[in-house]
Amino acid sequence: AEEIIGSYLRVRGKKHKLKVISKLRPNVIEG
C-alpha cells in the first residue's frame, strides 16, 4: 500500500496535497 500511494503521488505531483497517515510496523521492536 505505501509503495502504491507513493507511486500515485509521484505521478500526480503535489497538486492534491493529500494528508497521509501511516503506522509503525507491528511488533517491530520485540527483542
mmCIF file of all heavy atoms, coordinates in Angstrom:
data_MODEL
# 
_entry.id   MODEL 
# 
loop_
_atom_site.group_PDB 
_atom_site.id 
_atom_site.type_symbol 
_atom_site.label_atom_id 
_atom_site.label_alt_id 
_atom_site.label_comp_id 
_atom_site.label_asym_id 
_atom_site.label_entity_id 
_atom_site.label_seq_id 
_atom_site.pdbx_PDB_ins_code 
_atom_site.Cartn_x 
_atom_site.Cartn_y 
_atom_site.Cartn_z 
_atom_site.occupancy 
_atom_site.B_iso_or_equiv 
_atom_site.pdbx_formal_charge 
_atom_site.auth_seq_id 
_atom_site.auth_comp_id 
_atom_site.auth_asym_id 
_atom_site.auth_atom_id 
_atom_site.pdbx_PDB_model_num 
ATOM 1   N N   . ALA A 1 1  ? 0.812  -1.226 0.000   1.00 0.00 ? 1  ALA A N   1 
ATOM 2   C CA  . ALA A 1 1  ? 0.000  0.000  0.000   1.00 0.00 ? 1  ALA A CA  1 
ATOM 3   C C   . ALA A 1 1  ? 0.843  1.272  0.000   1.00 0.00 ? 1  ALA A C   1 
ATOM 4   O O   . ALA A 1 1  ? 0.558  2.214  -0.753  1.00 0.00 ? 1  ALA A O   1 
ATOM 5   C CB  . ALA A 1 1  ? -0.952 -0.009 1.191   1.00 0.00 ? 1  ALA A CB  1 
ATOM 6   N N   . GLU A 1 2  ? 1.865  1.344  0.851   1.00 0.00 ? 2  GLU A N   1 
ATOM 7   C CA  . GLU A 1 2  ? 2.681  2.559  0.889   1.00 0.00 ? 2  GLU A CA  1 
ATOM 8   C C   . GLU A 1 2  ? 3.353  2.817  -0.454  1.00 0.00 ? 2  GLU A C   1 
ATOM 9   O O   . GLU A 1 2  ? 3.402  3.966  -0.920  1.00 0.00 ? 2  GLU A O   1 
ATOM 10  C CB  . GLU A 1 2  ? 3.731  2.460  2.001   1.00 0.00 ? 2  GLU A CB  1 
ATOM 11  C CG  . GLU A 1 2  ? 3.185  2.639  3.399   1.00 0.00 ? 2  GLU A CG  1 
ATOM 12  C CD  . GLU A 1 2  ? 4.275  2.720  4.451   1.00 0.00 ? 2  GLU A CD  1 
ATOM 13  O OE1 . GLU A 1 2  ? 5.357  2.109  4.261   1.00 0.00 ? 2  GLU A OE1 1 
ATOM 14  O OE2 . GLU A 1 2  ? 4.052  3.388  5.472   1.00 0.00 ? 2  GLU A OE2 1 
ATOM 15  N N   . GLU A 1 3  ? 3.882  1.769  -1.084  1.00 0.00 ? 3  GLU A N   1 
ATOM 16  C CA  . GLU A 1 3  ? 4.530  1.942  -2.378  1.00 0.00 ? 3  GLU A CA  1 
ATOM 17  C C   . GLU A 1 3  ? 3.550  2.417  -3.443  1.00 0.00 ? 3  GLU A C   1 
ATOM 18  O O   . GLU A 1 3  ? 3.875  3.270  -4.280  1.00 0.00 ? 3  GLU A O   1 
ATOM 19  C CB  . GLU A 1 3  ? 5.183  0.632  -2.831  1.00 0.00 ? 3  GLU A CB  1 
ATOM 20  C CG  . GLU A 1 3  ? 6.439  0.246  -2.072  1.00 0.00 ? 3  GLU A CG  1 
ATOM 21  C CD  . GLU A 1 3  ? 6.133  -0.604 -0.846  1.00 0.00 ? 3  GLU A CD  1 
ATOM 22  O OE1 . GLU A 1 3  ? 4.954  -0.675 -0.416  1.00 0.00 ? 3  GLU A OE1 1 
ATOM 23  O OE2 . GLU A 1 3  ? 7.091  -1.196 -0.304  1.00 0.00 ? 3  GLU A OE2 1 
ATOM 24  N N   . ILE A 1 4  ? 2.324  1.890  -3.408  1.00 0.00 ? 4  ILE A N   1 
ATOM 25  C CA  . ILE A 1 4  ? 1.314  2.283  -4.392  1.00 0.00 ? 4  ILE A CA  1 
ATOM 26  C C   . ILE A 1 4  ? 0.925  3.744  -4.202  1.00 0.00 ? 4  ILE A C   1 
ATOM 27  O O   . ILE A 1 4  ? 0.824  4.504  -5.176  1.00 0.00 ? 4  ILE A O   1 
ATOM 28  C CB  . ILE A 1 4  ? 0.090  1.356  -4.292  1.00 0.00 ? 4  ILE A CB  1 
ATOM 29  C CG1 . ILE A 1 4  ? 0.462  -0.040 -4.814  1.00 0.00 ? 4  ILE A CG1 1 
ATOM 30  C CG2 . ILE A 1 4  ? -1.102 1.924  -5.063  1.00 0.00 ? 4  ILE A CG2 1 
ATOM 31  C CD1 . ILE A 1 4  ? -0.565 -1.105 -4.518  1.00 0.00 ? 4  ILE A CD1 1 
ATOM 32  N N   . ILE A 1 5  ? 0.738  4.154  -2.957  1.00 0.00 ? 5  ILE A N   1 
ATOM 33  C CA  . ILE A 1 5  ? 0.423  5.554  -2.698  1.00 0.00 ? 5  ILE A CA  1 
ATOM 34  C C   . ILE A 1 5  ? 1.584  6.443  -3.124  1.00 0.00 ? 5  ILE A C   1 
ATOM 35  O O   . ILE A 1 5  ? 1.383  7.512  -3.717  1.00 0.00 ? 5  ILE A O   1 
ATOM 36  C CB  . ILE A 1 5  ? 0.090  5.766  -1.208  1.00 0.00 ? 5  ILE A CB  1 
ATOM 37  C CG1 . ILE A 1 5  ? -1.189 5.020  -0.846  1.00 0.00 ? 5  ILE A CG1 1 
ATOM 38  C CG2 . ILE A 1 5  ? -0.062 7.253  -0.889  1.00 0.00 ? 5  ILE A CG2 1 
ATOM 39  C CD1 . ILE A 1 5  ? -1.425 4.893  0.643   1.00 0.00 ? 5  ILE A CD1 1 
ATOM 40  N N   . GLY A 1 6  ? 2.823  6.013  -2.836  1.00 0.00 ? 6  GLY A N   1 
ATOM 41  C CA  . GLY A 1 6  ? 3.991  6.777  -3.259  1.00 0.00 ? 6  GLY A CA  1 
ATOM 42  C C   . GLY A 1 6  ? 4.054  6.940  -4.761  1.00 0.00 ? 6  GLY A C   1 
ATOM 43  O O   . GLY A 1 6  ? 4.344  8.035  -5.273  1.00 0.00 ? 6  GLY A O   1 
ATOM 44  N N   . SER A 1 7  ? 3.773  5.874  -5.494  1.00 0.00 ? 7  SER A N   1 
ATOM 45  C CA  . SER A 1 7  ? 3.755  5.949  -6.957  1.00 0.00 ? 7  SER A CA  1 
ATOM 46  C C   . SER A 1 7  ? 2.680  6.923  -7.426  1.00 0.00 ? 7  SER A C   1 
ATOM 47  O O   . SER A 1 7  ? 2.897  7.717  -8.348  1.00 0.00 ? 7  SER A O   1 
ATOM 48  C CB  . SER A 1 7  ? 3.486  4.564  -7.556  1.00 0.00 ? 7  SER A CB  1 
ATOM 49  O OG  . SER A 1 7  ? 4.529  3.675  -7.248  1.00 0.00 ? 7  SER A OG  1 
ATOM 50  N N   . TYR A 1 8  ? 1.532  6.861  -6.791  1.00 0.00 ? 8  TYR A N   1 
ATOM 51  C CA  . TYR A 1 8  ? 0.429  7.766  -7.149  1.00 0.00 ? 8  TYR A CA  1 
ATOM 52  C C   . TYR A 1 8  ? 0.837  9.217  -6.939  1.00 0.00 ? 8  TYR A C   1 
ATOM 53  O O   . TYR A 1 8  ? 0.613  10.075 -7.805  1.00 0.00 ? 8  TYR A O   1 
ATOM 54  C CB  . TYR A 1 8  ? -0.797 7.436  -6.308  1.00 0.00 ? 8  TYR A CB  1 
ATOM 55  C CG  . TYR A 1 8  ? -1.949 8.382  -6.502  1.00 0.00 ? 8  TYR A CG  1 
ATOM 56  C CD1 . TYR A 1 8  ? -2.806 8.243  -7.592  1.00 0.00 ? 8  TYR A CD1 1 
ATOM 57  C CD2 . TYR A 1 8  ? -2.177 9.422  -5.604  1.00 0.00 ? 8  TYR A CD2 1 
ATOM 58  C CE1 . TYR A 1 8  ? -3.865 9.120  -7.775  1.00 0.00 ? 8  TYR A CE1 1 
ATOM 59  C CE2 . TYR A 1 8  ? -3.240 10.298 -5.783  1.00 0.00 ? 8  TYR A CE2 1 
ATOM 60  C CZ  . TYR A 1 8  ? -4.079 10.142 -6.866  1.00 0.00 ? 8  TYR A CZ  1 
ATOM 61  O OH  . TYR A 1 8  ? -5.126 11.009 -7.054  1.00 0.00 ? 8  TYR A OH  1 
ATOM 62  N N   . LEU A 1 9  ? 1.437  9.504  -5.795  1.00 0.00 ? 9  LEU A N   1 
ATOM 63  C CA  . LEU A 1 9  ? 1.822  10.880 -5.500  1.00 0.00 ? 9  LEU A CA  1 
ATOM 64  C C   . LEU A 1 9  ? 2.919  11.371 -6.443  1.00 0.00 ? 9  LEU A C   1 
ATOM 65  O O   . LEU A 1 9  ? 2.939  12.557 -6.806  1.00 0.00 ? 9  LEU A O   1 
ATOM 66  C CB  . LEU A 1 9  ? 2.276  10.996 -4.040  1.00 0.00 ? 9  LEU A CB  1 
ATOM 67  C CG  . LEU A 1 9  ? 1.173  10.787 -2.996  1.00 0.00 ? 9  LEU A CG  1 
ATOM 68  C CD1 . LEU A 1 9  ? 1.746  10.792 -1.592  1.00 0.00 ? 9  LEU A CD1 1 
ATOM 69  C CD2 . LEU A 1 9  ? 0.084  11.848 -3.127  1.00 0.00 ? 9  LEU A CD2 1 
ATOM 70  N N   . ARG A 1 10 ? 3.809  10.484 -6.850  1.00 0.00 ? 10 ARG A N   1 
ATOM 71  C CA  . ARG A 1 10 ? 4.832  10.887 -7.821  1.00 0.00 ? 10 ARG A CA  1 
ATOM 72  C C   . ARG A 1 10 ? 4.212  11.203 -9.169  1.00 0.00 ? 10 ARG A C   1 
ATOM 73  O O   . ARG A 1 10 ? 4.585  12.178 -9.824  1.00 0.00 ? 10 ARG A O   1 
ATOM 74  C CB  . ARG A 1 10 ? 5.888  9.789  -7.960  1.00 0.00 ? 10 ARG A CB  1 
ATOM 75  C CG  . ARG A 1 10 ? 6.830  9.673  -6.767  1.00 0.00 ? 10 ARG A CG  1 
ATOM 76  C CD  . ARG A 1 10 ? 8.049  8.821  -7.093  1.00 0.00 ? 10 ARG A CD  1 
ATOM 77  N NE  . ARG A 1 10 ? 7.683  7.457  -7.454  1.00 0.00 ? 10 ARG A NE  1 
ATOM 78  C CZ  . ARG A 1 10 ? 7.507  6.472  -6.566  1.00 0.00 ? 10 ARG A CZ  1 
ATOM 79  N NH1 . ARG A 1 10 ? 7.651  6.716  -5.261  1.00 0.00 ? 10 ARG A NH1 1 
ATOM 80  N NH2 . ARG A 1 10 ? 7.207  5.253  -6.967  1.00 0.00 ? 10 ARG A NH2 1 
ATOM 81  N N   . VAL A 1 11 ? 3.254  10.392 -9.590  1.00 0.00 ? 11 VAL A N   1 
ATOM 82  C CA  . VAL A 1 11 ? 2.604  10.598 -10.890 1.00 0.00 ? 11 VAL A CA  1 
ATOM 83  C C   . VAL A 1 11 ? 1.751  11.857 -10.875 1.00 0.00 ? 11 VAL A C   1 
ATOM 84  O O   . VAL A 1 11 ? 1.750  12.654 -11.818 1.00 0.00 ? 11 VAL A O   1 
ATOM 85  C CB  . VAL A 1 11 ? 1.734  9.367  -11.251 1.00 0.00 ? 11 VAL A CB  1 
ATOM 86  C CG1 . VAL A 1 11 ? 0.848  9.667  -12.462 1.00 0.00 ? 11 VAL A CG1 1 
ATOM 87  C CG2 . VAL A 1 11 ? 2.614  8.160  -11.531 1.00 0.00 ? 11 VAL A CG2 1 
ATOM 88  N N   . ARG A 1 12 ? 1.010  12.049 -9.783  1.00 0.00 ? 12 ARG A N   1 
ATOM 89  C CA  . ARG A 1 12 ? 0.085  13.187 -9.705  1.00 0.00 ? 12 ARG A CA  1 
ATOM 90  C C   . ARG A 1 12 ? 0.766  14.466 -9.226  1.00 0.00 ? 12 ARG A C   1 
ATOM 91  O O   . ARG A 1 12 ? 0.190  15.544 -9.310  1.00 0.00 ? 12 ARG A O   1 
ATOM 92  C CB  . ARG A 1 12 ? -1.074 12.857 -8.756  1.00 0.00 ? 12 ARG A CB  1 
ATOM 93  C CG  . ARG A 1 12 ? -1.948 11.715 -9.235  1.00 0.00 ? 12 ARG A CG  1 
ATOM 94  C CD  . ARG A 1 12 ? -2.665 12.051 -10.535 1.00 0.00 ? 12 ARG A CD  1 
ATOM 95  N NE  . ARG A 1 12 ? -3.609 11.024 -10.902 1.00 0.00 ? 12 ARG A NE  1 
ATOM 96  C CZ  . ARG A 1 12 ? -3.359 10.022 -11.756 1.00 0.00 ? 12 ARG A CZ  1 
ATOM 97  N NH1 . ARG A 1 12 ? -2.160 9.938  -12.325 1.00 0.00 ? 12 ARG A NH1 1 
ATOM 98  N NH2 . ARG A 1 12 ? -4.283 9.134  -12.034 1.00 0.00 ? 12 ARG A NH2 1 
ATOM 99  N N   . GLY A 1 13 ? 1.957  14.342 -8.703  1.00 0.00 ? 13 GLY A N   1 
ATOM 100 C CA  . GLY A 1 13 ? 2.656  15.529 -8.220  1.00 0.00 ? 13 GLY A CA  1 
ATOM 101 C C   . GLY A 1 13 ? 2.081  16.024 -6.914  1.00 0.00 ? 13 GLY A C   1 
ATOM 102 O O   . GLY A 1 13 ? 1.395  15.315 -6.187  1.00 0.00 ? 13 GLY A O   1 
ATOM 103 N N   . LYS A 1 14 ? 2.327  17.264 -6.622  1.00 0.00 ? 14 LYS A N   1 
ATOM 104 C CA  . LYS A 1 14 ? 1.932  17.847 -5.334  1.00 0.00 ? 14 LYS A CA  1 
ATOM 105 C C   . LYS A 1 14 ? 0.534  18.470 -5.358  1.00 0.00 ? 14 LYS A C   1 
ATOM 106 O O   . LYS A 1 14 ? 0.070  18.996 -4.358  1.00 0.00 ? 14 LYS A O   1 
ATOM 107 C CB  . LYS A 1 14 ? 2.940  18.936 -4.921  1.00 0.00 ? 14 LYS A CB  1 
ATOM 108 C CG  . LYS A 1 14 ? 4.371  18.463 -4.831  1.00 0.00 ? 14 LYS A CG  1 
ATOM 109 C CD  . LYS A 1 14 ? 4.578  17.520 -3.658  1.00 0.00 ? 14 LYS A CD  1 
ATOM 110 C CE  . LYS A 1 14 ? 6.052  17.152 -3.517  1.00 0.00 ? 14 LYS A CE  1 
ATOM 111 N NZ  . LYS A 1 14 ? 6.289  16.213 -2.412  1.00 0.00 ? 14 LYS A NZ  1 
ATOM 112 N N   . LYS A 1 15 ? -0.136 18.413 -6.520  1.00 0.00 ? 15 LYS A N   1 
ATOM 113 C CA  . LYS A 1 15 ? -1.367 19.205 -6.656  1.00 0.00 ? 15 LYS A CA  1 
ATOM 114 C C   . LYS A 1 15 ? -2.461 18.782 -5.683  1.00 0.00 ? 15 LYS A C   1 
ATOM 115 O O   . LYS A 1 15 ? -3.308 19.590 -5.305  1.00 0.00 ? 15 LYS A O   1 
ATOM 116 C CB  . LYS A 1 15 ? -1.892 19.129 -8.094  1.00 0.00 ? 15 LYS A CB  1 
ATOM 117 C CG  . LYS A 1 15 ? -2.347 17.745 -8.533  1.00 0.00 ? 15 LYS A CG  1 
ATOM 118 C CD  . LYS A 1 15 ? -2.959 17.799 -9.935  1.00 0.00 ? 15 LYS A CD  1 
ATOM 119 C CE  . LYS A 1 15 ? -3.482 16.427 -10.358 1.00 0.00 ? 15 LYS A CE  1 
ATOM 120 N NZ  . LYS A 1 15 ? -4.153 16.492 -11.664 1.00 0.00 ? 15 LYS A NZ  1 
ATOM 121 N N   . HIS A 1 16 ? -2.467 17.502 -5.282  1.00 0.00 ? 16 HIS A N   1 
ATOM 122 C CA  . HIS A 1 16 ? -3.552 17.046 -4.434  1.00 0.00 ? 16 HIS A CA  1 
ATOM 123 C C   . HIS A 1 16 ? -3.360 17.419 -2.964  1.00 0.00 ? 16 HIS A C   1 
ATOM 124 O O   . HIS A 1 16 ? -4.335 17.569 -2.232  1.00 0.00 ? 16 HIS A O   1 
ATOM 125 C CB  . HIS A 1 16 ? -3.719 15.527 -4.550  1.00 0.00 ? 16 HIS A CB  1 
ATOM 126 C CG  . HIS A 1 16 ? -4.282 15.102 -5.873  1.00 0.00 ? 16 HIS A CG  1 
ATOM 127 N ND1 . HIS A 1 16 ? -5.156 15.872 -6.585  1.00 0.00 ? 16 HIS A ND1 1 
ATOM 128 C CD2 . HIS A 1 16 ? -4.097 13.973 -6.595  1.00 0.00 ? 16 HIS A CD2 1 
ATOM 129 C CE1 . HIS A 1 16 ? -5.483 15.244 -7.700  1.00 0.00 ? 16 HIS A CE1 1 
ATOM 130 N NE2 . HIS A 1 16 ? -4.865 14.109 -7.732  1.00 0.00 ? 16 HIS A NE2 1 
ATOM 131 N N   . LYS A 1 17 ? -2.122 17.558 -2.530  1.00 0.00 ? 17 LYS A N   1 
ATOM 132 C CA  . LYS A 1 17 ? -1.824 17.902 -1.133  1.00 0.00 ? 17 LYS A CA  1 
ATOM 133 C C   . LYS A 1 17 ? -2.549 16.975 -0.153  1.00 0.00 ? 17 LYS A C   1 
ATOM 134 O O   . LYS A 1 17 ? -3.180 17.420 0.808   1.00 0.00 ? 17 LYS A O   1 
ATOM 135 C CB  . LYS A 1 17 ? -2.170 19.365 -0.862  1.00 0.00 ? 17 LYS A CB  1 
ATOM 136 C CG  . LYS A 1 17 ? -1.334 20.347 -1.669  1.00 0.00 ? 17 LYS A CG  1 
ATOM 137 C CD  . LYS A 1 17 ? -1.671 21.782 -1.339  1.00 0.00 ? 17 LYS A CD  1 
ATOM 138 C CE  . LYS A 1 17 ? -0.819 22.737 -2.156  1.00 0.00 ? 17 LYS A CE  1 
ATOM 139 N NZ  . LYS A 1 17 ? -1.138 24.163 -1.885  1.00 0.00 ? 17 LYS A NZ  1 
ATOM 140 N N   . LEU A 1 18 ? -2.461 15.709 -0.429  1.00 0.00 ? 18 LEU A N   1 
ATOM 141 C CA  . LEU A 1 18 ? -3.112 14.735 0.439   1.00 0.00 ? 18 LEU A CA  1 
ATOM 142 C C   . LEU A 1 18 ? -2.404 14.626 1.779   1.00 0.00 ? 18 LEU A C   1 
ATOM 143 O O   . LEU A 1 18 ? -1.171 14.658 1.854   1.00 0.00 ? 18 LEU A O   1 
ATOM 144 C CB  . LEU A 1 18 ? -3.106 13.355 -0.231  1.00 0.00 ? 18 LEU A CB  1 
ATOM 145 C CG  . LEU A 1 18 ? -4.139 13.144 -1.341  1.00 0.00 ? 18 LEU A CG  1 
ATOM 146 C CD1 . LEU A 1 18 ? -3.835 11.862 -2.099  1.00 0.00 ? 18 LEU A CD1 1 
ATOM 147 C CD2 . LEU A 1 18 ? -5.540 13.078 -0.765  1.00 0.00 ? 18 LEU A CD2 1 
ATOM 148 N N   . LYS A 1 19 ? -3.193 14.487 2.833   1.00 0.00 ? 19 LYS A N   1 
ATOM 149 C CA  . LYS A 1 19 ? -2.636 14.223 4.153   1.00 0.00 ? 19 LYS A CA  1 
ATOM 150 C C   . LYS A 1 19 ? -2.547 12.707 4.315   1.00 0.00 ? 19 LYS A C   1 
ATOM 151 O O   . LYS A 1 19 ? -3.551 12.005 4.157   1.00 0.00 ? 19 LYS A O   1 
ATOM 152 C CB  . LYS A 1 19 ? -3.535 14.832 5.235   1.00 0.00 ? 19 LYS A CB  1 
ATOM 153 C CG  . LYS A 1 19 ? -3.586 16.349 5.202   1.00 0.00 ? 19 LYS A CG  1 
ATOM 154 C CD  . LYS A 1 19 ? -4.419 16.917 6.330   1.00 0.00 ? 19 LYS A CD  1 
ATOM 155 C CE  . LYS A 1 19 ? -5.892 16.704 6.088   1.00 0.00 ? 19 LYS A CE  1 
ATOM 156 N NZ  . LYS A 1 19 ? -6.727 17.388 7.115   1.00 0.00 ? 19 LYS A NZ  1 
ATOM 157 N N   . VAL A 1 20 ? -1.349 12.215 4.611   1.00 0.00 ? 20 VAL A N   1 
ATOM 158 C CA  . VAL A 1 20 ? -1.120 10.774 4.704   1.00 0.00 ? 20 VAL A CA  1 
ATOM 159 C C   . VAL A 1 20 ? -0.785 10.392 6.142   1.00 0.00 ? 20 VAL A C   1 
ATOM 160 O O   . VAL A 1 20 ? 0.101  10.980 6.764   1.00 0.00 ? 20 VAL A O   1 
ATOM 161 C CB  . VAL A 1 20 ? 0.017  10.318 3.772   1.00 0.00 ? 20 VAL A CB  1 
ATOM 162 C CG1 . VAL A 1 20 ? 0.198  8.805  3.860   1.00 0.00 ? 20 VAL A CG1 1 
ATOM 163 C CG2 . VAL A 1 20 ? -0.274 10.728 2.327   1.00 0.00 ? 20 VAL A CG2 1 
ATOM 164 N N   . ILE A 1 21 ? -1.521 9.409  6.638   1.00 0.00 ? 21 ILE A N   1 
ATOM 165 C CA  . ILE A 1 21 ? -1.264 8.850  7.965   1.00 0.00 ? 21 ILE A CA  1 
ATOM 166 C C   . ILE A 1 21 ? -0.758 7.429  7.782   1.00 0.00 ? 21 ILE A C   1 
ATOM 167 O O   . ILE A 1 21 ? -1.358 6.639  7.047   1.00 0.00 ? 21 ILE A O   1 
ATOM 168 C CB  . ILE A 1 21 ? -2.553 8.829  8.806   1.00 0.00 ? 21 ILE A CB  1 
ATOM 169 C CG1 . ILE A 1 21 ? -3.063 10.254 9.022   1.00 0.00 ? 21 ILE A CG1 1 
ATOM 170 C CG2 . ILE A 1 21 ? -2.326 8.125  10.144  1.00 0.00 ? 21 ILE A CG2 1 
ATOM 171 C CD1 . ILE A 1 21 ? -4.478 10.315 9.557   1.00 0.00 ? 21 ILE A CD1 1 
ATOM 172 N N   . SER A 1 22 ? 0.367  7.104  8.429   1.00 0.00 ? 22 SER A N   1 
ATOM 173 C CA  . SER A 1 22 ? 0.875  5.734  8.364   1.00 0.00 ? 22 SER A CA  1 
ATOM 174 C C   . SER A 1 22 ? 1.154  5.229  9.770   1.00 0.00 ? 22 SER A C   1 
ATOM 175 O O   . SER A 1 22 ? 0.935  5.940  10.757  1.00 0.00 ? 22 SER A O   1 
ATOM 176 C CB  . SER A 1 22 ? 2.125  5.641  7.483   1.00 0.00 ? 22 SER A CB  1 
ATOM 177 O OG  . SER A 1 22 ? 2.414  4.290  7.182   1.00 0.00 ? 22 SER A OG  1 
ATOM 178 N N   . LYS A 1 23 ? 1.648  3.995  9.839   1.00 0.00 ? 23 LYS A N   1 
ATOM 179 C CA  . LYS A 1 23 ? 1.807  3.357  11.145  1.00 0.00 ? 23 LYS A CA  1 
ATOM 180 C C   . LYS A 1 23 ? 3.106  2.556  11.205  1.00 0.00 ? 23 LYS A C   1 
ATOM 181 O O   . LYS A 1 23 ? 3.537  1.964  10.210  1.00 0.00 ? 23 LYS A O   1 
ATOM 182 C CB  . LYS A 1 23 ? 0.627  2.421  11.435  1.00 0.00 ? 23 LYS A CB  1 
ATOM 183 C CG  . LYS A 1 23 ? -0.734 3.076  11.294  1.00 0.00 ? 23 LYS A CG  1 
ATOM 184 C CD  . LYS A 1 23 ? -1.868 2.101  11.532  1.00 0.00 ? 23 LYS A CD  1 
ATOM 185 C CE  . LYS A 1 23 ? -3.186 2.692  11.059  1.00 0.00 ? 23 LYS A CE  1 
ATOM 186 N NZ  . LYS A 1 23 ? -3.321 2.652  9.593   1.00 0.00 ? 23 LYS A NZ  1 
ATOM 187 N N   . LEU A 1 24 ? 3.682  2.544  12.396  1.00 0.00 ? 24 LEU A N   1 
ATOM 188 C CA  . LEU A 1 24 ? 4.864  1.736  12.675  1.00 0.00 ? 24 LEU A CA  1 
ATOM 189 C C   . LEU A 1 24 ? 4.527  0.258  12.513  1.00 0.00 ? 24 LEU A C   1 
ATOM 190 O O   . LEU A 1 24 ? 3.470  -0.194 12.941  1.00 0.00 ? 24 LEU A O   1 
ATOM 191 C CB  . LEU A 1 24 ? 5.327  2.003  14.110  1.00 0.00 ? 24 LEU A CB  1 
ATOM 192 C CG  . LEU A 1 24 ? 6.564  1.258  14.605  1.00 0.00 ? 24 LEU A CG  1 
ATOM 193 C CD1 . LEU A 1 24 ? 7.809  1.783  13.924  1.00 0.00 ? 24 LEU A CD1 1 
ATOM 194 C CD2 . LEU A 1 24 ? 6.677  1.390  16.127  1.00 0.00 ? 24 LEU A CD2 1 
ATOM 195 N N   . ARG A 1 25 ? 5.422  -0.484 11.894  1.00 0.00 ? 25 ARG A N   1 
ATOM 196 C CA  . ARG A 1 25 ? 5.171  -1.924 11.714  1.00 0.00 ? 25 ARG A CA  1 
ATOM 197 C C   . ARG A 1 25 ? 4.886  -2.614 13.043  1.00 0.00 ? 25 ARG A C   1 
ATOM 198 O O   . ARG A 1 25 ? 5.562  -2.359 14.045  1.00 0.00 ? 25 ARG A O   1 
ATOM 199 C CB  . ARG A 1 25 ? 6.381  -2.598 11.057  1.00 0.00 ? 25 ARG A CB  1 
ATOM 200 C CG  . ARG A 1 25 ? 6.420  -2.461 9.555   1.00 0.00 ? 25 ARG A CG  1 
ATOM 201 C CD  . ARG A 1 25 ? 7.434  -3.409 8.955   1.00 0.00 ? 25 ARG A CD  1 
ATOM 202 N NE  . ARG A 1 25 ? 8.783  -3.130 9.412   1.00 0.00 ? 25 ARG A NE  1 
ATOM 203 C CZ  . ARG A 1 25 ? 9.710  -4.059 9.662   1.00 0.00 ? 25 ARG A CZ  1 
ATOM 204 N NH1 . ARG A 1 25 ? 9.417  -5.339 9.544   1.00 0.00 ? 25 ARG A NH1 1 
ATOM 205 N NH2 . ARG A 1 25 ? 10.914 -3.706 10.049  1.00 0.00 ? 25 ARG A NH2 1 
ATOM 206 N N   . PRO A 1 26 ? 3.889  -3.500 13.087  1.00 0.00 ? 26 PRO A N   1 
ATOM 207 C CA  . PRO A 1 26 ? 3.555  -4.189 14.344  1.00 0.00 ? 26 PRO A CA  1 
ATOM 208 C C   . PRO A 1 26 ? 4.726  -5.026 14.858  1.00 0.00 ? 26 PRO A C   1 
ATOM 209 O O   . PRO A 1 26 ? 5.453  -5.652 14.088  1.00 0.00 ? 26 PRO A O   1 
ATOM 210 C CB  . PRO A 1 26 ? 2.379  -5.094 13.952  1.00 0.00 ? 26 PRO A CB  1 
ATOM 211 C CG  . PRO A 1 26 ? 1.816  -4.497 12.702  1.00 0.00 ? 26 PRO A CG  1 
ATOM 212 C CD  . PRO A 1 26 ? 2.988  -3.877 11.994  1.00 0.00 ? 26 PRO A CD  1 
ATOM 213 N N   . ASN A 1 27 ? 4.902  -4.998 16.156  1.00 0.00 ? 27 ASN A N   1 
ATOM 214 C CA  . ASN A 1 27 ? 5.871  -5.865 16.845  1.00 0.00 ? 27 ASN A CA  1 
ATOM 215 C C   . ASN A 1 27 ? 7.298  -5.723 16.318  1.00 0.00 ? 27 ASN A C   1 
ATOM 216 O O   . ASN A 1 27 ? 8.104  -6.636 16.442  1.00 0.00 ? 27 ASN A O   1 
ATOM 217 C CB  . ASN A 1 27 ? 5.429  -7.334 16.739  1.00 0.00 ? 27 ASN A CB  1 
ATOM 218 C CG  . ASN A 1 27 ? 4.009  -7.539 17.223  1.00 0.00 ? 27 ASN A CG  1 
ATOM 219 O OD1 . ASN A 1 27 ? 3.622  -7.035 18.267  1.00 0.00 ? 27 ASN A OD1 1 
ATOM 220 N ND2 . ASN A 1 27 ? 3.211  -8.252 16.453  1.00 0.00 ? 27 ASN A ND2 1 
ATOM 221 N N   . VAL A 1 28 ? 7.619  -4.561 15.755  1.00 0.00 ? 28 VAL A N   1 
ATOM 222 C CA  . VAL A 1 28 ? 8.919  -4.386 15.115  1.00 0.00 ? 28 VAL A CA  1 
ATOM 223 C C   . VAL A 1 28 ? 10.050 -4.230 16.128  1.00 0.00 ? 28 VAL A C   1 
ATOM 224 O O   . VAL A 1 28 ? 11.225 -4.436 15.802  1.00 0.00 ? 28 VAL A O   1 
ATOM 225 C CB  . VAL A 1 28 ? 8.880  -3.174 14.157  1.00 0.00 ? 28 VAL A CB  1 
ATOM 226 C CG1 . VAL A 1 28 ? 8.796  -1.861 14.931  1.00 0.00 ? 28 VAL A CG1 1 
ATOM 227 C CG2 . VAL A 1 28 ? 10.068 -3.177 13.209  1.00 0.00 ? 28 VAL A CG2 1 
ATOM 228 N N   . ILE A 1 29 ? 9.711  -3.904 17.367  1.00 0.00 ? 29 ILE A N   1 
ATOM 229 C CA  . ILE A 1 29 ? 10.757 -3.622 18.363  1.00 0.00 ? 29 ILE A CA  1 
ATOM 230 C C   . ILE A 1 29 ? 11.104 -4.857 19.185  1.00 0.00 ? 29 ILE A C   1 
ATOM 231 O O   . ILE A 1 29 ? 12.144 -4.897 19.833  1.00 0.00 ? 29 ILE A O   1 
ATOM 232 C CB  . ILE A 1 29 ? 10.317 -2.460 19.278  1.00 0.00 ? 29 ILE A CB  1 
ATOM 233 C CG1 . ILE A 1 29 ? 10.154 -1.195 18.436  1.00 0.00 ? 29 ILE A CG1 1 
ATOM 234 C CG2 . ILE A 1 29 ? 11.300 -2.203 20.406  1.00 0.00 ? 29 ILE A CG2 1 
ATOM 235 C CD1 . ILE A 1 29 ? 9.543  -0.034 19.177  1.00 0.00 ? 29 ILE A CD1 1 
ATOM 236 N N   . GLU A 1 30 ? 10.273 -5.889 19.147  1.00 0.00 ? 30 GLU A N   1 
ATOM 237 C CA  . GLU A 1 30 ? 10.496 -7.050 20.016  1.00 0.00 ? 30 GLU A CA  1 
ATOM 238 C C   . GLU A 1 30 ? 11.933 -7.576 19.905  1.00 0.00 ? 30 GLU A C   1 
ATOM 239 O O   . GLU A 1 30 ? 12.380 -7.973 18.830  1.00 0.00 ? 30 GLU A O   1 
ATOM 240 C CB  . GLU A 1 30 ? 9.574  -8.205 19.643  1.00 0.00 ? 30 GLU A CB  1 
ATOM 241 C CG  . GLU A 1 30 ? 8.065  -7.999 19.716  1.00 0.00 ? 30 GLU A CG  1 
ATOM 242 C CD  . GLU A 1 30 ? 7.571  -6.830 20.513  1.00 0.00 ? 30 GLU A CD  1 
ATOM 243 O OE1 . GLU A 1 30 ? 7.462  -6.930 21.728  1.00 0.00 ? 30 GLU A OE1 1 
ATOM 244 O OE2 . GLU A 1 30 ? 7.248  -5.814 19.908  1.00 0.00 ? 30 GLU A OE2 1 
ATOM 245 N N   . GLY A 1 31 ? 12.646 -7.562 21.038  1.00 0.00 ? 31 GLY A N   1 
ATOM 246 C CA  . GLY A 1 31 ? 13.988 -8.127 21.090  1.00 0.00 ? 31 GLY A CA  1 
ATOM 247 C C   . GLY A 1 31 ? 15.053 -7.300 20.411  1.00 0.00 ? 31 GLY A C   1 
ATOM 248 O O   . GLY A 1 31 ? 16.183 -7.752 20.251  1.00 0.00 ? 31 GLY A O   1 
# 
